[in-house]
Protein backbone atom coordinates (compact mmCIF):
# COMPACT_ATOMS: atom_id res chain seq x y z
CA MET A 1 -17.83 3.07 5.62
CA ASN A 2 -21.44 4.87 6.53
CA GLY A 3 -22.03 8.38 5.41
CA LYS A 4 -24.08 10.74 7.63
CA ALA A 5 -26.13 13.48 6.25
CA THR A 6 -25.41 17.08 6.10
CA GLY A 7 -27.69 19.75 6.41
CA ASP A 8 -28.31 22.35 3.94
CA GLY A 9 -26.98 25.00 5.82
CA ASP A 10 -23.90 23.45 6.07
CA ARG A 11 -21.74 25.12 3.63
CA GLN A 12 -18.98 22.65 3.69
CA GLY A 13 -21.88 20.18 1.37
CA ASN A 14 -21.16 22.33 -1.38
CA ARG A 15 -17.34 22.72 -1.04
CA ILE A 16 -17.43 18.93 -1.23
CA ILE A 17 -19.97 18.34 -3.64
CA PRO A 18 -20.73 22.10 -5.49
CA GLY A 19 -24.45 22.69 -5.83
CA ILE A 20 -25.41 19.88 -3.54
CA ASN A 21 -27.65 22.16 -1.16
CA ALA A 22 -29.52 23.64 -3.82
CA ARG A 23 -30.09 20.00 -5.73
CA LEU A 24 -31.35 18.89 -2.23
CA THR A 25 -33.73 21.63 -1.82
CA ALA A 26 -34.91 20.85 -5.13
CA LEU A 27 -35.15 17.32 -4.80
CA ARG A 28 -37.35 17.57 -1.42
CA SER A 29 -39.92 20.24 -2.91
CA ASP A 30 -40.45 17.54 -5.98
CA LEU A 31 -41.11 14.97 -3.16
CA PHE A 32 -43.87 17.15 -1.07
CA SER A 33 -45.50 17.62 -5.00
CA VAL A 34 -45.46 13.77 -6.12
CA SER A 35 -46.40 13.20 -2.46
CA ASP A 36 -49.56 15.67 -3.03
CA TYR A 37 -50.58 15.11 -6.43
CA SER A 38 -54.28 13.49 -6.82
CA ALA A 39 -54.20 9.51 -7.48
CA ASP A 40 -57.94 10.14 -8.58
CA LYS A 41 -56.46 12.75 -11.44
CA LEU A 42 -53.92 10.07 -12.33
CA ALA A 43 -56.34 7.35 -12.65
CA GLU A 44 -58.45 9.39 -14.69
CA ILE A 45 -55.51 9.79 -17.38
CA ILE A 46 -54.88 6.01 -16.80
CA ARG A 47 -58.37 5.40 -17.87
CA ASP A 48 -58.46 7.70 -20.49
CA VAL A 49 -55.09 6.34 -22.22
CA GLY A 50 -56.20 2.63 -21.58
CA PHE A 51 -52.93 1.40 -22.42
CA ALA A 52 -52.39 -2.27 -22.83
CA CYS A 53 -49.65 -4.69 -23.48
CA ASP A 54 -49.79 -6.44 -27.26
CA CYS A 55 -46.14 -8.54 -26.06
CA CYS A 56 -44.49 -6.88 -28.74
CA THR A 57 -41.41 -6.60 -26.14
CA LYS A 58 -39.92 -3.04 -27.46
CA CYS A 59 -39.89 -1.83 -23.78
CA CYS A 60 -37.67 -4.67 -22.84
CA THR A 61 -35.25 -3.47 -25.42
CA LYS A 62 -31.92 -1.03 -24.11
CA GLU A 63 -32.66 0.75 -27.54
CA PHE A 64 -36.35 1.39 -26.67
CA ASN A 65 -35.91 2.42 -23.09
CA ASP A 66 -32.44 2.89 -22.87
CA HIS A 67 -32.08 1.22 -19.14
CA VAL A 68 -34.12 -0.16 -16.24
CA PHE A 69 -33.40 1.65 -13.24
CA LEU A 70 -33.66 -0.55 -10.13
CA LEU A 71 -35.32 1.03 -6.32
CA ASP A 72 -33.29 -0.61 -3.69
CA ASN A 73 -36.52 -2.67 -3.17
CA ASP A 74 -35.80 -4.32 -6.74
CA THR A 75 -32.46 -4.68 -6.35
CA ALA A 76 -33.03 -6.98 -3.20
CA VAL A 77 -35.26 -9.01 -5.27
CA ILE A 78 -32.72 -9.53 -8.27
CA LYS A 79 -29.64 -10.12 -5.80
CA GLY A 80 -31.81 -12.81 -4.44
CA ILE A 81 -32.86 -14.48 -8.34
CA ALA A 82 -29.81 -14.04 -10.03
CA THR A 83 -26.95 -11.29 -9.08
CA GLU A 84 -25.40 -11.39 -12.15
CA ALA A 85 -28.25 -9.43 -13.91
CA LEU A 86 -27.08 -6.34 -11.48
CA VAL A 87 -24.93 -3.43 -13.56
CA PRO A 88 -24.35 -0.09 -11.92
CA ALA A 89 -27.21 2.45 -13.29
CA PRO A 90 -25.34 4.41 -16.34
CA TYR A 91 -25.30 8.24 -15.64
CA PHE A 92 -22.87 8.23 -12.92
CA GLU A 93 -24.22 11.05 -10.51
CA LEU A 94 -20.72 12.09 -8.77
CA CYS A 95 -16.78 11.42 -9.19
CA ASP A 96 -14.02 12.19 -6.51
CA GLN A 97 -10.76 13.81 -6.69
CA ASN A 98 -9.28 10.49 -7.67
CA GLY A 99 -11.80 9.19 -10.88
CA GLN A 100 -13.82 7.40 -8.33
CA PHE A 101 -17.80 7.25 -9.87
CA TYR A 102 -20.39 7.11 -7.70
CA ASP A 103 -23.52 6.04 -8.29
CA SER A 104 -27.18 6.24 -7.00
CA GLY A 105 -28.60 2.65 -7.79
CA TYR A 106 -28.64 -0.14 -9.93
CA ALA A 107 -29.85 -1.76 -13.42
CA LEU A 108 -30.58 -4.49 -15.42
CA ARG A 109 -28.46 -5.54 -17.35
CA THR A 110 -29.07 -6.27 -21.17
CA LEU A 111 -27.81 -8.94 -23.55
CA PRO A 112 -25.81 -8.88 -26.33
CA ASP A 113 -28.47 -7.98 -28.24
CA GLY A 114 -29.89 -4.95 -26.32
CA SER A 115 -32.87 -7.06 -24.44
CA CYS A 116 -33.71 -7.27 -21.37
CA PHE A 117 -31.84 -9.94 -19.03
CA PHE A 118 -35.09 -11.58 -18.24
CA LEU A 119 -36.71 -11.55 -21.70
CA GLY A 120 -37.48 -14.80 -23.02
CA GLY A 121 -38.62 -15.00 -26.51
CA THR A 122 -42.05 -12.55 -25.88
CA ARG A 123 -42.20 -13.05 -21.96
CA CYS A 124 -40.81 -11.92 -19.04
CA ARG A 125 -38.78 -15.01 -17.08
CA ILE A 126 -39.72 -13.37 -13.86
CA TYR A 127 -42.97 -11.58 -14.47
CA ASN A 128 -44.32 -12.56 -11.13
CA SER A 129 -41.53 -10.93 -9.60
CA ARG A 130 -41.16 -8.08 -12.29
CA LEU A 131 -39.87 -4.88 -10.81
CA SER A 132 -41.55 -1.49 -9.76
CA ILE A 133 -41.35 -0.08 -12.96
CA CYS A 134 -42.59 -2.63 -14.80
CA ARG A 135 -45.38 -2.82 -13.16
CA ILE A 136 -46.61 0.77 -13.42
CA TYR A 137 -44.88 1.35 -17.11
CA PRO A 138 -45.94 3.43 -19.25
CA TYR A 139 -47.33 5.45 -16.60
CA MET A 140 -45.05 7.72 -14.70
CA LEU A 141 -45.36 10.84 -13.34
CA HIS A 142 -43.60 14.42 -14.47
CA ARG A 143 -41.77 15.89 -12.31
CA GLU A 144 -41.37 19.33 -13.51
CA PRO A 145 -43.41 21.83 -12.02
CA ASP A 146 -46.13 23.87 -14.05
CA ASP A 147 -46.40 27.27 -14.03
CA ASP A 148 -48.55 26.96 -10.81
CA GLY A 149 -45.99 25.27 -9.12
CA ILE A 150 -47.74 21.69 -9.45
CA VAL A 151 -46.21 18.62 -10.64
CA ASP A 152 -47.61 17.48 -13.98
CA TRP A 153 -48.30 14.54 -15.71
CA ARG A 154 -45.33 13.25 -18.19
CA GLN A 155 -46.52 11.88 -21.76
CA VAL A 156 -47.24 8.55 -21.60
CA SER A 157 -43.69 6.47 -22.14
CA GLY A 158 -43.49 5.24 -25.93
CA LEU A 159 -47.48 6.39 -26.46
CA ASN A 160 -48.51 5.25 -29.76
CA LYS A 161 -45.11 2.94 -30.43
CA HIS A 162 -45.89 -0.12 -29.10
CA GLY A 163 -49.25 -1.40 -27.31
CA SER A 164 -52.72 -0.62 -27.84
CA TYR A 165 -54.57 2.24 -26.77
CA HIS A 166 -58.43 3.52 -25.02
CA ASN A 167 -59.14 -0.40 -23.99
CA GLU A 168 -61.53 -0.47 -20.73
CA ILE A 169 -59.72 -0.84 -17.57
CA PRO A 170 -61.93 -0.76 -14.80
CA VAL A 171 -62.05 1.84 -12.21
CA ILE A 172 -60.28 0.03 -9.41
CA GLU A 173 -57.49 -1.24 -11.41
CA CYS A 174 -56.49 2.60 -12.69
CA LEU A 175 -56.57 3.25 -8.90
CA ALA A 176 -54.26 1.05 -8.41
CA ILE A 177 -51.83 1.94 -10.93
CA ALA A 178 -52.27 5.48 -9.88
CA GLN A 179 -51.23 4.79 -6.29
CA GLU A 180 -48.27 2.72 -7.44
CA THR A 181 -47.06 5.21 -9.78
CA LYS A 182 -46.92 7.40 -6.81
CA GLU A 183 -45.20 5.15 -5.20
CA PHE A 184 -42.62 4.56 -7.38
CA GLU A 185 -41.94 8.26 -7.62
CA ILE A 186 -41.76 8.81 -4.32
CA ALA A 187 -38.80 5.87 -3.20
CA PHE A 188 -37.37 7.04 -6.63
CA LEU A 189 -36.93 10.55 -5.07
CA GLU A 190 -36.85 9.36 -1.56
CA GLN A 191 -33.19 7.16 -2.85
CA THR A 192 -32.01 9.87 -4.82
CA ILE A 193 -32.12 12.33 -1.67
CA ARG A 194 -30.19 9.51 0.75
CA PHE A 195 -27.75 9.00 -1.61
CA TYR A 196 -26.44 12.68 -1.86
CA GLU A 197 -27.06 13.09 1.97
CA PHE A 198 -24.96 9.86 2.34
CA LEU A 199 -22.38 11.11 -0.14
CA CYS A 200 -22.47 14.72 1.53
CA GLY A 201 -20.69 12.40 5.09
CA TYR A 202 -18.88 10.10 2.74
CA PHE A 203 -17.18 12.77 1.17
CA ALA A 204 -16.49 14.78 3.97
CA ASP A 205 -15.28 11.85 6.65
CA ASN A 206 -13.06 10.60 3.60
CA ARG A 207 -11.54 14.48 2.12
CA LEU A 208 -12.90 13.57 -0.89
CA ARG A 209 -14.52 15.92 -3.22
CA HIS A 210 -16.69 16.28 -6.66
CA VAL A 211 -14.60 17.70 -9.23
CA ARG A 212 -16.53 17.91 -12.62
CA LYS A 213 -13.30 17.83 -14.71
CA VAL A 214 -11.89 14.83 -13.41
CA TYR A 215 -15.23 13.31 -13.74
CA ASP A 216 -15.57 14.54 -17.48
CA ASP A 217 -11.67 13.39 -18.02
CA ARG A 218 -12.60 9.93 -16.72
CA MET A 219 -16.12 9.77 -18.84
CA ARG A 220 -13.65 10.22 -22.43
CA ALA A 221 -11.30 7.57 -20.75
CA PHE A 222 -13.81 4.95 -20.31
CA ARG A 223 -15.79 5.67 -23.89
CA LYS A 224 -12.16 5.01 -25.46
CA GLY A 225 -12.29 1.40 -23.60
CA GLU A 226 -10.53 2.16 -20.38
CA GLU A 227 -11.63 0.81 -17.43
CA ILE A 228 -13.33 2.83 -14.23
CA GLU A 229 -14.24 2.21 -11.03
CA VAL A 230 -17.95 2.95 -9.83
CA ALA A 231 -19.27 2.60 -6.30
CA VAL A 232 -22.95 1.83 -6.37
CA LEU A 233 -25.21 2.77 -3.00
CA TYR A 234 -27.04 0.07 -1.61
CA ASN A 235 -28.51 -0.54 1.25
CA GLY A 236 -26.44 1.96 3.11
CA ARG A 237 -23.28 0.97 1.90
CA LEU A 238 -21.00 1.17 -1.61
CA GLU A 239 -20.63 -1.70 -3.04
CA PRO A 240 -17.10 -1.68 -6.03
CA TRP A 241 -17.45 -2.11 -9.25
CA ARG A 242 -15.23 -2.38 -12.37
CA MET A 243 -16.43 -1.33 -15.98
CA ARG A 244 -14.98 -1.69 -19.33
CA GLY A 245 -17.07 -0.73 -22.51
CA ASP A 246 -20.32 -2.77 -21.64
CA GLY A 247 -18.52 -5.27 -19.17
CA ALA A 248 -19.13 -4.73 -15.30
CA VAL A 249 -17.63 -7.06 -12.70
CA PRO A 250 -18.31 -6.74 -9.13
CA GLY A 251 -15.55 -5.83 -6.44
CA ASN A 252 -14.70 -7.37 -3.15
CA GLY A 253 -16.82 -6.57 -0.08
CA THR A 254 -17.78 -2.43 0.20
CA LEU A 255 -16.29 0.64 0.56
């Protein structure tokens, strides 16, 4: 079932998802700030850092980077390559009064040793189709404003823990990385906004509400080995999953 957006002025939004109006306002403000961030400034930072991959594969492990979150266009790529590589992203955003969790996107499955599903030795098996966050890594933008309300640069991921630095990177390449980094952050924020807007409508249509106590209780049960149900929003539809421990199995159809 499709949801429909609930505007910031609709008090029902706060009743079904406490604090949702303020959350959406903050996300939209972040979106404006990131869109307005100077790609030239970002390119200068990228050139100064001069990061180069040394194929250590640390960034391709759960221990080092926790998980690889997928934008919807990345999910489409993976669905065309290996659907078994998809799992609901961790840290589910919402949970209704019935104990159903809701997730804004997918992540890449990791292997038992914690490495990426697509890591083969020291090489990515889908390098030519690698995902948005993998292409821009280790660069990203901080979404917290500084004292002047300007989005600030986030520390380079894994700085001084992998790769080599102060390599010469052509200016045109730095600009391309900067632009792609901005595009990733914009797409991430837009996807998050769509998720919350959709869930406002879906919850209202189905008489659901987000209940923090139910969320906490079900998460404790999940950590103790109980199965939970997670619905992932993808392409305007909620796709059901069942999860237990590190296992995730897709359900049937859409909600």
